[in-house]
C-alpha atoms as a PDB file:
ATOM      1  CA  UNK A   1       2.771  21.593 -23.644  1.00  0.00           C
ATOM      2  CA  UNK A   2      -0.100  22.753 -21.828  1.00  0.00           C
ATOM      3  CA  UNK A   3      -1.167  20.143 -19.466  1.00  0.00           C
ATOM      4  CA  UNK A   4      -4.728  20.213 -17.355  1.00  0.00           C
ATOM      5  CA  UNK A   5      -3.452  20.684 -13.917  1.00  0.00           C
ATOM      6  CA  UNK A   6      -5.124  18.262 -11.298  1.00  0.00           C
ATOM      7  CA  UNK A   7      -7.558  19.442  -8.538  1.00  0.00           C
ATOM      8  CA  UNK A   8      -5.204  20.138  -5.710  1.00  0.00           C
ATOM      9  CA  UNK A   9      -7.307  18.909  -2.756  1.00  0.00           C
ATOM     10  CA  UNK A  10      -8.541  15.615  -4.538  1.00  0.00           C
ATOM     11  CA  UNK A  11      -4.755  15.023  -5.511  1.00  0.00           C
ATOM     12  CA  UNK A  12      -3.565  15.473  -2.140  1.00  0.00           C
ATOM     13  CA  UNK A  13      -6.338  13.417  -0.345  1.00  0.00           C
ATOM     14  CA  UNK A  14      -5.803  10.194  -3.169  1.00  0.00           C
ATOM     15  CA  UNK A  15      -1.824  10.622  -2.241  1.00  0.00           C
ATOM     16  CA  UNK A  16      -2.237  10.231   1.529  1.00  0.00           C
ATOM     17  CA  UNK A  17      -4.713   7.709   0.906  1.00  0.00           C
ATOM     18  CA  UNK A  18      -2.172   5.762  -0.880  1.00  0.00           C
ATOM     19  CA  UNK A  19       0.721   6.124   1.543  1.00  0.00           C
ATOM     20  CA  UNK A  20      -1.522   4.705   4.068  1.00  0.00           C
ATOM     21  CA  UNK A  21      -2.464   1.948   1.530  1.00  0.00           C
ATOM     22  CA  UNK A  22       1.390   1.461   1.227  1.00  0.00           C
ATOM     23  CA  UNK A  23       1.886   1.218   4.974  1.00  0.00           C
ATOM     24  CA  UNK A  24      -1.044  -0.990   6.195  1.00  0.00           C
ATOM     25  CA  UNK A  25      -0.786  -4.326   6.647  1.00  0.00           C
ATOM     26  CA  UNK A  26      -4.464  -5.268   7.450  1.00  0.00           C
ATOM     27  CA  UNK A  27      -7.767  -3.772   6.801  1.00  0.00           C
ATOM     28  CA  UNK A  28     -11.593  -4.065   7.297  1.00  0.00           C
ATOM     29  CA  UNK A  29     -13.013  -5.402   3.775  1.00  0.00           C
ATOM     30  CA  UNK A  30     -16.624  -5.135   2.848  1.00  0.00           C
ATOM     31  CA  UNK A  31     -18.271  -7.446   0.516  1.00  0.00           C
ATOM     32  CA  UNK A  32     -22.157  -7.895  -0.412  1.00  0.00           C
ATOM     33  CA  UNK A  33     -23.432 -11.491   1.442  1.00  0.00           C
ATOM     34  CA  UNK A  34     -26.461 -13.130  -0.613  1.00  0.00           C
ATOM     35  CA  UNK A  35     -29.381 -12.595   0.593  1.00  0.00           C
ATOM     36  CA  UNK A  36     -30.531 -15.563   2.867  1.00  0.00           C
ATOM     37  CA  UNK A  37     -33.483 -17.607   2.304  1.00  0.00           C
ATOM     38  CA  UNK A  38     -36.887 -15.791   2.797  1.00  0.00           C
ATOM     39  CA  UNK A  39     -35.202 -12.667   2.272  1.00  0.00           C
ATOM     40  CA  UNK A  40     -35.312 -10.256  -0.866  1.00  0.00           C
ATOM     41  CA  UNK A  41     -31.829  -8.082  -0.150  1.00  0.00           C
ATOM     42  CA  UNK A  42     -28.528  -8.544   0.188  1.00  0.00           C
ATOM     43  CA  UNK A  43     -26.581  -7.197   3.262  1.00  0.00           C
ATOM     44  CA  UNK A  44     -22.934  -6.206   3.677  1.00  0.00           C
ATOM     45  CA  UNK A  45     -20.298  -8.486   5.501  1.00  0.00           C
ATOM     46  CA  UNK A  46     -17.288  -7.111   6.783  1.00  0.00           C
ATOM     47  CA  UNK A  47     -14.270  -9.003   7.336  1.00  0.00           C
ATOM     48  CA  UNK A  48     -10.527  -8.566   8.710  1.00  0.00           C
ATOM     49  CA  UNK A  49      -7.915  -9.174   5.800  1.00  0.00           C
ATOM     50  CA  UNK A  50      -3.956  -8.980   5.285  1.00  0.00           C
ATOM     51  CA  UNK A  51      -3.334  -6.519   2.726  1.00  0.00           C
ATOM     52  CA  UNK A  52      -0.224  -5.497   0.587  1.00  0.00           C
ATOM     53  CA  UNK A  53      -0.258  -2.938  -2.539  1.00  0.00           C
ATOM     54  CA  UNK A  54       0.809  -3.582  -5.992  1.00  0.00           C
ATOM     55  CA  UNK A  55       3.257  -0.957  -7.827  1.00  0.00           C
ATOM     56  CA  UNK A  56       0.087   1.717  -8.699  1.00  0.00           C
ATOM     57  CA  UNK A  57      -1.016   1.476  -4.960  1.00  0.00           C
ATOM     58  CA  UNK A  58      -4.183  -1.165  -6.098  1.00  0.00           C
ATOM     59  CA  UNK A  59      -4.628  -3.644  -2.857  1.00  0.00           C
ATOM     60  CA  UNK A  60      -3.768  -7.731  -3.130  1.00  0.00           C
ATOM     61  CA  UNK A  61      -5.186  -9.787  -1.405  1.00  0.00           C
ATOM     62  CA  UNK A  62      -4.417 -13.886  -0.744  1.00  0.00           C
ATOM     63  CA  UNK A  63      -7.848 -15.590  -0.148  1.00  0.00           C
ATOM     64  CA  UNK A  64      -8.916 -18.686   0.648  1.00  0.00           C
ATOM     65  CA  UNK A  65     -11.824 -20.022  -1.549  1.00  0.00           C
ATOM     66  CA  UNK A  66     -12.943 -21.244   1.935  1.00  0.00           C
ATOM     67  CA  UNK A  67     -13.361 -17.804   3.590  1.00  0.00           C
ATOM     68  CA  UNK A  68     -17.090 -16.316   3.403  1.00  0.00           C
ATOM     69  CA  UNK A  69     -15.600 -13.001   2.021  1.00  0.00           C
ATOM     70  CA  UNK A  70     -14.339 -15.200  -0.904  1.00  0.00           C
ATOM     71  CA  UNK A  71     -17.770 -16.491  -1.761  1.00  0.00           C
ATOM     72  CA  UNK A  72     -18.936 -13.216  -1.669  1.00  0.00           C
ATOM     73  CA  UNK A  73     -16.570 -12.154  -4.391  1.00  0.00           C
ATOM     74  CA  UNK A  74     -17.328 -14.809  -6.689  1.00  0.00           C
ATOM     75  CA  UNK A  75     -20.770 -13.931  -6.666  1.00  0.00           C
ATOM     76  CA  UNK A  76     -20.501  -9.940  -6.718  1.00  0.00           C
ATOM     77  CA  UNK A  77     -17.177  -8.417  -6.915  1.00  0.00           C
ATOM     78  CA  UNK A  78     -18.078  -5.338  -6.097  1.00  0.00           C
ATOM     79  CA  UNK A  79     -16.176  -4.278  -2.380  1.00  0.00           C
ATOM     80  CA  UNK A  80     -14.664  -1.500  -0.289  1.00  0.00           C
ATOM     81  CA  UNK A  81     -11.783  -2.024   2.058  1.00  0.00           C
ATOM     82  CA  UNK A  82     -11.047   0.398   4.932  1.00  0.00           C
ATOM     83  CA  UNK A  83      -7.500   1.006   5.718  1.00  0.00           C
ATOM     84  CA  UNK A  84      -6.090   2.990   8.661  1.00  0.00           C
ATOM     85  CA  UNK A  85      -2.753   4.963   9.737  1.00  0.00           C
ATOM     86  CA  UNK A  86      -1.587   3.979  13.236  1.00  0.00           C
ATOM     87  CA  UNK A  87      -2.551   6.958  15.895  1.00  0.00           C
ATOM     88  CA  UNK A  88      -1.494   7.496  19.070  1.00  0.00           C
ATOM     89  CA  UNK A  89      -5.013   9.771  19.658  1.00  0.00           C
ATOM     90  CA  UNK A  90      -7.138   9.270  22.224  1.00  0.00           C
ATOM     91  CA  UNK A  91     -10.138   8.987  20.066  1.00  0.00           C
ATOM     92  CA  UNK A  92      -9.165   6.818  17.305  1.00  0.00           C
ATOM     93  CA  UNK A  93     -11.401   8.556  14.766  1.00  0.00           C
ATOM     94  CA  UNK A  94      -9.311  11.336  14.876  1.00  0.00           C
ATOM     95  CA  UNK A  95      -6.444   9.236  13.287  1.00  0.00           C
ATOM     96  CA  UNK A  96      -6.639   9.264   9.450  1.00  0.00           C
ATOM     97  CA  UNK A  97      -7.711   6.410   7.452  1.00  0.00           C
ATOM     98  CA  UNK A  98      -9.030   5.730   3.495  1.00  0.00           C
ATOM     99  CA  UNK A  99     -11.732   3.772   2.181  1.00  0.00           C
ATOM    100  CA  UNK A 100     -10.906   2.282  -1.398  1.00  0.00           C
ATOM    101  CA  UNK A 101     -13.870   1.091  -3.078  1.00  0.00           C
ATOM    102  CA  UNK A 102     -13.899  -0.984  -6.684  1.00  0.00           C
ATOM    103  CA  UNK A 103     -14.020  -4.935  -7.683  1.00  0.00           C
ATOM    104  CA  UNK A 104     -11.972  -7.457  -6.680  1.00  0.00           C
ATOM    105  CA  UNK A 105     -10.869  -9.918  -9.070  1.00  0.00           C
ATOM    106  CA  UNK A 106      -8.839 -13.160  -8.923  1.00  0.00           C
ATOM    107  CA  UNK A 107      -5.848 -13.200 -10.518  1.00  0.00           C
ATOM    108  CA  UNK A 108      -4.218 -16.031 -12.431  1.00  0.00           C
ATOM    109  CA  UNK A 109      -1.012 -16.511 -14.449  1.00  0.00           C
ATOM    110  CA  UNK A 110       2.044 -14.128 -14.497  1.00  0.00           C
ATOM    111  CA  UNK A 111       0.140 -11.233 -12.638  1.00  0.00           C
ATOM    112  CA  UNK A 112      -1.105 -13.874  -9.792  1.00  0.00           C
ATOM    113  CA  UNK A 113       2.607 -14.842  -9.452  1.00  0.00           C
ATOM    114  CA  UNK A 114       3.774 -11.471  -9.581  1.00  0.00           C
ATOM    115  CA  UNK A 115       1.084 -10.264  -6.988  1.00  0.00           C
ATOM    116  CA  UNK A 116       1.877 -13.354  -4.531  1.00  0.00           C
ATOM    117  CA  UNK A 117       5.309 -12.225  -4.851  1.00  0.00           C
ATOM    118  CA  UNK A 118       4.690  -8.646  -3.715  1.00  0.00           C
ATOM    119  CA  UNK A 119       2.388  -9.980  -0.897  1.00  0.00           C
ATOM    120  CA  UNK A 120       5.011 -12.466   0.743  1.00  0.00           C
ATOM    121  CA  UNK A 121       7.373  -9.146   1.042  1.00  0.00           C
ATOM    122  CA  UNK A 122       5.098  -7.803   3.528  1.00  0.00           C
ATOM    123  CA  UNK A 123       3.604 -11.054   4.993  1.00  0.00           C
ATOM    124  CA  UNK A 124       6.365 -13.496   4.977  1.00  0.00           C
ATOM    125  CA  UNK A 125       4.506 -15.562   7.191  1.00  0.00           C
ATOM    126  CA  UNK A 126       2.120 -16.093   4.395  1.00  0.00           C
ATOM    127  CA  UNK A 127       4.478 -18.489   2.545  1.00  0.00           C
ATOM    128  CA  UNK A 128       3.469 -21.202   4.882  1.00  0.00           C
ATOM    129  CA  UNK A 129       0.222 -21.248   3.201  1.00  0.00           C
ATOM    130  CA  UNK A 130       0.481 -18.754   0.179  1.00  0.00           C
ATOM    131  CA  UNK A 131       0.786 -22.368  -2.073  1.00  0.00           C
ATOM    132  CA  UNK A 132      -2.144 -24.258  -0.817  1.00  0.00           C
ATOM    133  CA  UNK A 133      -4.563 -25.403  -3.729  1.00  0.00           C
ATOM    134  CA  UNK A 134      -7.480 -23.401  -2.314  1.00  0.00           C
ATOM    135  CA  UNK A 135      -5.362 -19.870  -1.865  1.00  0.00           C
ATOM    136  CA  UNK A 136      -5.176 -17.771  -5.000  1.00  0.00           C
ATOM    137  CA  UNK A 137      -4.297 -13.692  -5.499  1.00  0.00           C
ATOM    138  CA  UNK A 138      -6.943 -10.956  -5.573  1.00  0.00           C
ATOM    139  CA  UNK A 139      -6.466  -7.437  -6.602  1.00  0.00           C
ATOM    140  CA  UNK A 140      -8.966  -4.448  -6.399  1.00  0.00           C
ATOM    141  CA  UNK A 141      -9.656  -2.514  -9.199  1.00  0.00           C
ATOM    142  CA  UNK A 142      -9.865   0.708  -7.476  1.00  0.00           C
ATOM    143  CA  UNK A 143     -12.548   2.869  -8.934  1.00  0.00           C
ATOM    144  CA  UNK A 144     -12.887   5.764  -6.239  1.00  0.00           C
ATOM    145  CA  UNK A 145     -11.448   6.898  -2.725  1.00  0.00           C
ATOM    146  CA  UNK A 146     -12.436   8.166   0.340  1.00  0.00           C
ATOM    147  CA  UNK A 147      -9.754   9.739   2.661  1.00  0.00           C
ATOM    148  CA  UNK A 148     -10.473  11.189   5.920  1.00  0.00           C
ATOM    149  CA  UNK A 149      -7.511  13.126   7.654  1.00  0.00           C
ATOM    150  CA  UNK A 150      -9.691  13.566  11.071  1.00  0.00           C
ATOM    151  CA  UNK A 151     -12.374  15.395  11.996  1.00  0.00           C
ATOM    152  CA  UNK A 152     -13.706  18.052   9.252  1.00  0.00           C
ATOM    153  CA  UNK A 153     -10.857  16.498   6.585  1.00  0.00           C
ATOM    154  CA  UNK A 154     -12.563  14.207   4.514  1.00  0.00           C
ATOM    155  CA  UNK A 155     -12.099  14.333   0.588  1.00  0.00           C
ATOM    156  CA  UNK A 156     -13.420  12.076  -2.200  1.00  0.00           C
ATOM    157  CA  UNK A 157     -10.719  11.307  -4.993  1.00  0.00           C
ATOM    158  CA  UNK A 158     -11.017   9.381  -8.192  1.00  0.00           C
ATOM    159  CA  UNK A 159      -9.030   6.136  -9.081  1.00  0.00           C
ATOM    160  CA  UNK A 160      -6.998   8.251 -11.701  1.00  0.00           C
ATOM    161  CA  UNK A 161      -5.564  10.515  -8.921  1.00  0.00           C
ATOM    162  CA  UNK A 162      -4.870   7.469  -6.572  1.00  0.00           C
ATOM    163  CA  UNK A 163      -3.124   4.883  -9.124  1.00  0.00           C
ATOM    164  CA  UNK A 164       0.548   5.286  -9.500  1.00  0.00           C
ATOM    165  CA  UNK A 165       1.363   4.519 -13.330  1.00  0.00           C
ATOM    166  CA  UNK A 166       5.163   3.902 -12.911  1.00  0.00           C
ATOM    167  CA  UNK A 167       6.033   0.689 -15.293  1.00  0.00           C
ATOM    168  CA  UNK A 168       9.795   1.952 -15.852  1.00  0.00           C
ATOM    169  CA  UNK A 169      10.263   2.097 -11.935  1.00  0.00           C
ATOM    170  CA  UNK A 170       8.788  -1.785 -11.663  1.00  0.00           C
ATOM    171  CA  UNK A 171      11.498  -2.510 -14.135  1.00  0.00           C
ATOM    172  CA  UNK A 172      14.367  -1.155 -12.235  1.00  0.00           C
ATOM    173  CA  UNK A 173      13.469  -1.664  -8.591  1.00  0.00           C
ATOM    174  CA  UNK A 174      15.426  -4.658  -8.141  1.00  0.00           C
ATOM    175  CA  UNK A 175      18.685  -2.591  -9.173  1.00  0.00           C
ATOM    176  CA  UNK A 176      17.476   0.229  -6.898  1.00  0.00           C
ATOM    177  CA  UNK A 177      17.373  -2.197  -3.681  1.00  0.00           C
ATOM    178  CA  UNK A 178      20.744  -3.573  -4.664  1.00  0.00           C
ATOM    179  CA  UNK A 179      21.921  -0.111  -4.580  1.00  0.00           C
ATOM    180  CA  UNK A 180      20.321   1.085  -1.467  1.00  0.00           C
ATOM    181  CA  UNK A 181      21.989  -2.327   0.300  1.00  0.00           C
ATOM    182  CA  UNK A 182      25.558  -1.894  -0.964  1.00  0.00           C
ATOM    183  CA  UNK A 183      26.410   1.431  -2.779  1.00  0.00           C
ATOM    184  CA  UNK A 184      23.942   3.848  -0.635  1.00  0.00           C
ATOM    185  CA  UNK A 185      23.797   1.845   3.058  1.00  0.00           C
ATOM    186  CA  UNK A 186      25.625   4.764   4.548  1.00  0.00           C
ATOM    187  CA  UNK A 187      22.997   7.237   3.130  1.00  0.00           C
ATOM    188  CA  UNK A 188      20.343   5.119   3.826  1.00  0.00           C
ATOM    189  CA  UNK A 189      21.345   4.535   7.245  1.00  0.00           C
ATOM    190  CA  UNK A 190      21.455   8.297   7.949  1.00  0.00           C
ATOM    191  CA  UNK A 191      17.988   8.956   6.321  1.00  0.00           C
ATOM    192  CA  UNK A 192      16.722   6.106   8.934  1.00  0.00           C
ATOM    193  CA  UNK A 193      18.217   7.792  11.735  1.00  0.00           C
ATOM    194  CA  UNK A 194      16.640  11.388  10.801  1.00  0.00           C
ATOM    195  CA  UNK A 195      13.217   9.895   9.800  1.00  0.00           C
ATOM    196  CA  UNK A 196      12.789   7.728  12.976  1.00  0.00           C
ATOM    197  CA  UNK A 197      15.498   8.553  15.299  1.00  0.00           C
ATOM    198  CA  UNK A 198      16.670   4.968  15.700  1.00  0.00           C
ATOM    199  CA  UNK A 199      19.645   3.243  14.297  1.00  0.00           C
ATOM    200  CA  UNK A 200      19.575   1.441  11.041  1.00  0.00           C
ATOM    201  CA  UNK A 201      21.705  -1.108  12.422  1.00  0.00           C
ATOM    202  CA  UNK A 202      19.446  -4.863  11.484  1.00  0.00           C
ATOM    203  CA  UNK A 203      17.095  -3.459   8.908  1.00  0.00           C
ATOM    204  CA  UNK A 204      17.276  -4.190   5.680  1.00  0.00           C
ATOM    205  CA  UNK A 205      15.496  -2.752   2.799  1.00  0.00           C
ATOM    206  CA  UNK A 206      12.465  -5.355   1.511  1.00  0.00           C
ATOM    207  CA  UNK A 207      11.280  -3.271  -1.805  1.00  0.00           C
ATOM    208  CA  UNK A 208      10.966   0.122  -3.121  1.00  0.00           C
ATOM    209  CA  UNK A 209       8.133   1.526  -4.928  1.00  0.00           C
ATOM    210  CA  UNK A 210       7.111   5.462  -6.000  1.00  0.00           C
ATOM    211  CA  UNK A 211       6.386   6.664  -3.303  1.00  0.00           C
ATOM    212  CA  UNK A 212       9.595   5.882  -1.256  1.00  0.00           C
ATOM    213  CA  UNK A 213      10.786   2.243   0.338  1.00  0.00           C
ATOM    214  CA  UNK A 214       9.918  -0.178   3.138  1.00  0.00           C
ATOM    215  CA  UNK A 215      12.414  -1.861   5.107  1.00  0.00           C
ATOM    216  CA  UNK A 216      12.388  -4.953   7.797  1.00  0.00           C
ATOM    217  CA  UNK A 217      14.078  -5.236  11.169  1.00  0.00           C
ATOM    218  CA  UNK A 218      15.482  -8.248  12.635  1.00  0.00           C
ATOM    219  CA  UNK A 219      12.291  -9.402  14.558  1.00  0.00           C
ATOM    220  CA  UNK A 220      10.168  -8.653  11.538  1.00  0.00           C
ATOM    221  CA  UNK A 221       9.033  -5.269  12.225  1.00  0.00           C
ATOM    222  CA  UNK A 222       8.470  -2.974   9.189  1.00  0.00           C
ATOM    223  CA  UNK A 223       9.171   0.541   8.773  1.00  0.00           C
ATOM    224  CA  UNK A 224       8.081   2.829   5.352  1.00  0.00           C
ATOM    225  CA  UNK A 225      10.193   6.052   4.450  1.00  0.00           C
ATOM    226  CA  UNK A 226       8.085   8.106   2.116  1.00  0.00           C
ATOM    227  CA  UNK A 227       8.828  10.451  -0.413  1.00  0.00           C
ATOM    228  CA  UNK A 228       7.162  14.201  -0.481  1.00  0.00           C
ATOM    229  CA  UNK A 229       5.876  13.459  -3.766  1.00  0.00           C
ATOM    230  CA  UNK A 230       5.984  10.051  -6.274  1.00  0.00           C
ATOM    231  CA  UNK A 231       8.511   9.141  -8.685  1.00  0.00           C
ATOM    232  CA  UNK A 232       7.450   7.443 -11.943  1.00  0.00           C
ATOM    233  CA  UNK A 233      11.028   6.012 -12.696  1.00  0.00           C
ATOM    234  CA  UNK A 234      14.600   5.149 -11.803  1.00  0.00           C
ATOM    235  CA  UNK A 235      15.629   8.454 -12.311  1.00  0.00           C
ATOM    236  CA  UNK A 236      12.955  10.205 -10.482  1.00  0.00           C
ATOM    237  CA  UNK A 237      13.228   7.793  -7.597  1.00  0.00           C
ATOM    238  CA  UNK A 238      17.086   8.882  -7.233  1.00  0.00           C
ATOM    239  CA  UNK A 239      16.371  12.182  -6.982  1.00  0.00           C
ATOM    240  CA  UNK A 240      14.110  12.248  -4.270  1.00  0.00           C
ATOM    241  CA  UNK A 241      16.226   9.377  -2.303  1.00  0.00           C
ATOM    242  CA  UNK A 242      19.491  12.258  -2.690  1.00  0.00           C
ATOM    243  CA  UNK A 243      16.818  14.889  -1.336  1.00  0.00           C
ATOM    244  CA  UNK A 244      16.153  12.731   2.140  1.00  0.00           C
ATOM    245  CA  UNK A 245      19.722  12.343   2.110  1.00  0.00           C
ATOM    246  CA  UNK A 246      20.153  15.907   1.721  1.00  0.00           C
ATOM    247  CA  UNK A 247      17.775  16.837   4.533  1.00  0.00           C
ATOM    248  CA  UNK A 248      19.188  14.120   6.822  1.00  0.00           C
ATOM    249  CA  UNK A 249      22.272  15.992   6.698  1.00  0.00           C
ATOM    250  CA  UNK A 250      21.426  19.279   7.237  1.00  0.00           C
ATOM    251  CA  UNK A 251      19.248  17.575  10.369  1.00  0.00           C
ATOM    252  CA  UNK A 252      22.196  16.076  11.349  1.00  0.00           C
ATOM    253  CA  UNK A 253      24.188  19.492  11.333  1.00  0.00           C
ATOM    254  CA  UNK A 254      21.915  21.748  13.174  1.00  0.00           C
END
């Protein structure tokens, strides 16, 4: 079967942007503030927000109706969110970042429950207020992505290249986490050591996704372990994890 190949540069940019989104816990959300009395035009309003991501990479937010950005979104759902990768560069503009652009919509029912569960995995402290009546879950419907890998490394990408469809993996994620915790604990420790240079003692698996997995330390710190390429189902995920294990063993021997 002939398949149309994706343009390599936009796809790589979209993949790099999704990895940033998976790793980050906060972002700068830009909304459209209603024009004040006596003026004719709206103006941008930027606020710092907590961020988690859905299985496909779409940003998830926990917002209070009292927040200015929530009121903006109720009037105009168009928004963008800037997410940054950690950097030790003296010039912060040398660090990688991405802007996700789309429409941020309030969730309800089962979709809201699932989004809240995913959000609380990344932000356990939010459990203190997530159930309050004025708080609700919101999700960005990503329309396009702008990735910047540093000076001279900027690329636009489409949502279809950014979003990762992996419904089968979503269904089996719980089983994989269980296997990582018990059956593959020794292999996971080996991979963690090779990737971070630290012992895995005190770390536990929080969740997995198509791009890898995330662990939590004893003091609440979080650490991602990413795959070189995404997995779309349980079989693909296990194959990529075995590749990490093989690389870790090779590193240990050398």
